[in-house]
Amino acid sequence: MIILGILATLVIGVLGTAIGYEMNAPSLGSVLAIATMGGFIMAEIRRNK
């Protein structure tokens, strides 16, 4: 699950940056990557409870 989270975060970060440059928002990739990793962390916390 950890490797899946890392790979998904990297891919979404790169794609978000590419889309963000087209929309004149280059920090979009960082925001999407942080949100993705937060989702994986929340899912892991919920699964362990």
Protein backbone atom coordinates (compact mmCIF):
# COMPACT_ATOMS: atom_id res chain seq x y z
CA MET A 1 0.00 0.00 0.00
CA ILE A 2 2.90 2.35 0.73
CA ILE A 3 4.45 1.91 -2.71
CA LEU A 4 1.07 2.43 -4.37
CA GLY A 5 0.62 5.66 -2.42
CA ILE A 6 4.06 6.93 -3.39
CA LEU A 7 3.59 6.10 -7.08
CA ALA A 8 0.10 7.58 -7.20
CA THR A 9 1.33 10.75 -5.50
CA LEU A 10 4.21 11.15 -7.95
CA VAL A 11 2.04 10.56 -11.00
CA ILE A 12 -0.69 12.93 -9.84
CA GLY A 13 1.91 15.54 -8.90
CA VAL A 14 3.52 15.43 -12.35
CA LEU A 15 0.19 15.45 -14.18
CA GLY A 16 -1.09 18.25 -11.95
CA THR A 17 1.99 20.33 -12.68
CA ALA A 18 1.60 19.79 -16.43
CA ILE A 19 -2.07 20.77 -16.31
CA GLY A 20 -1.29 23.64 -13.93
CA TYR A 21 1.18 25.22 -16.34
CA GLU A 22 -1.51 25.24 -19.01
CA MET A 23 -3.94 26.90 -16.57
CA ASN A 24 -1.29 29.39 -15.33
CA ALA A 25 -1.24 27.71 -11.89
CA PRO A 26 2.13 25.90 -11.62
CA SER A 27 1.62 24.95 -7.97
CA LEU A 28 -1.41 22.80 -8.83
CA GLY A 29 0.75 19.67 -8.91
CA SER A 30 1.97 20.21 -5.35
CA VAL A 31 -1.54 20.78 -4.07
CA LEU A 32 -2.89 17.65 -5.77
CA ALA A 33 0.06 15.55 -4.56
CA ILE A 34 -0.45 16.64 -0.96
CA ALA A 35 -4.18 15.97 -1.18
CA THR A 36 -3.53 12.51 -2.64
CA MET A 37 -1.06 11.55 0.07
CA GLY A 38 -3.47 12.90 2.70
CA GLY A 39 -6.16 10.64 1.30
CA PHE A 40 -3.88 7.61 1.53
CA ILE A 41 -2.92 8.51 5.10
CA MET A 42 -6.56 8.94 6.14
CA ALA A 43 -7.48 5.60 4.54
CA GLU A 44 -4.66 3.89 6.41
CA ILE A 45 -5.70 5.44 9.73
CA ARG A 46 -9.32 4.41 9.16
CA ARG A 47 -8.28 0.88 8.21
CA ASN A 48 -6.17 0.46 11.37
CA LYS A 49 -8.97 1.56 13.72
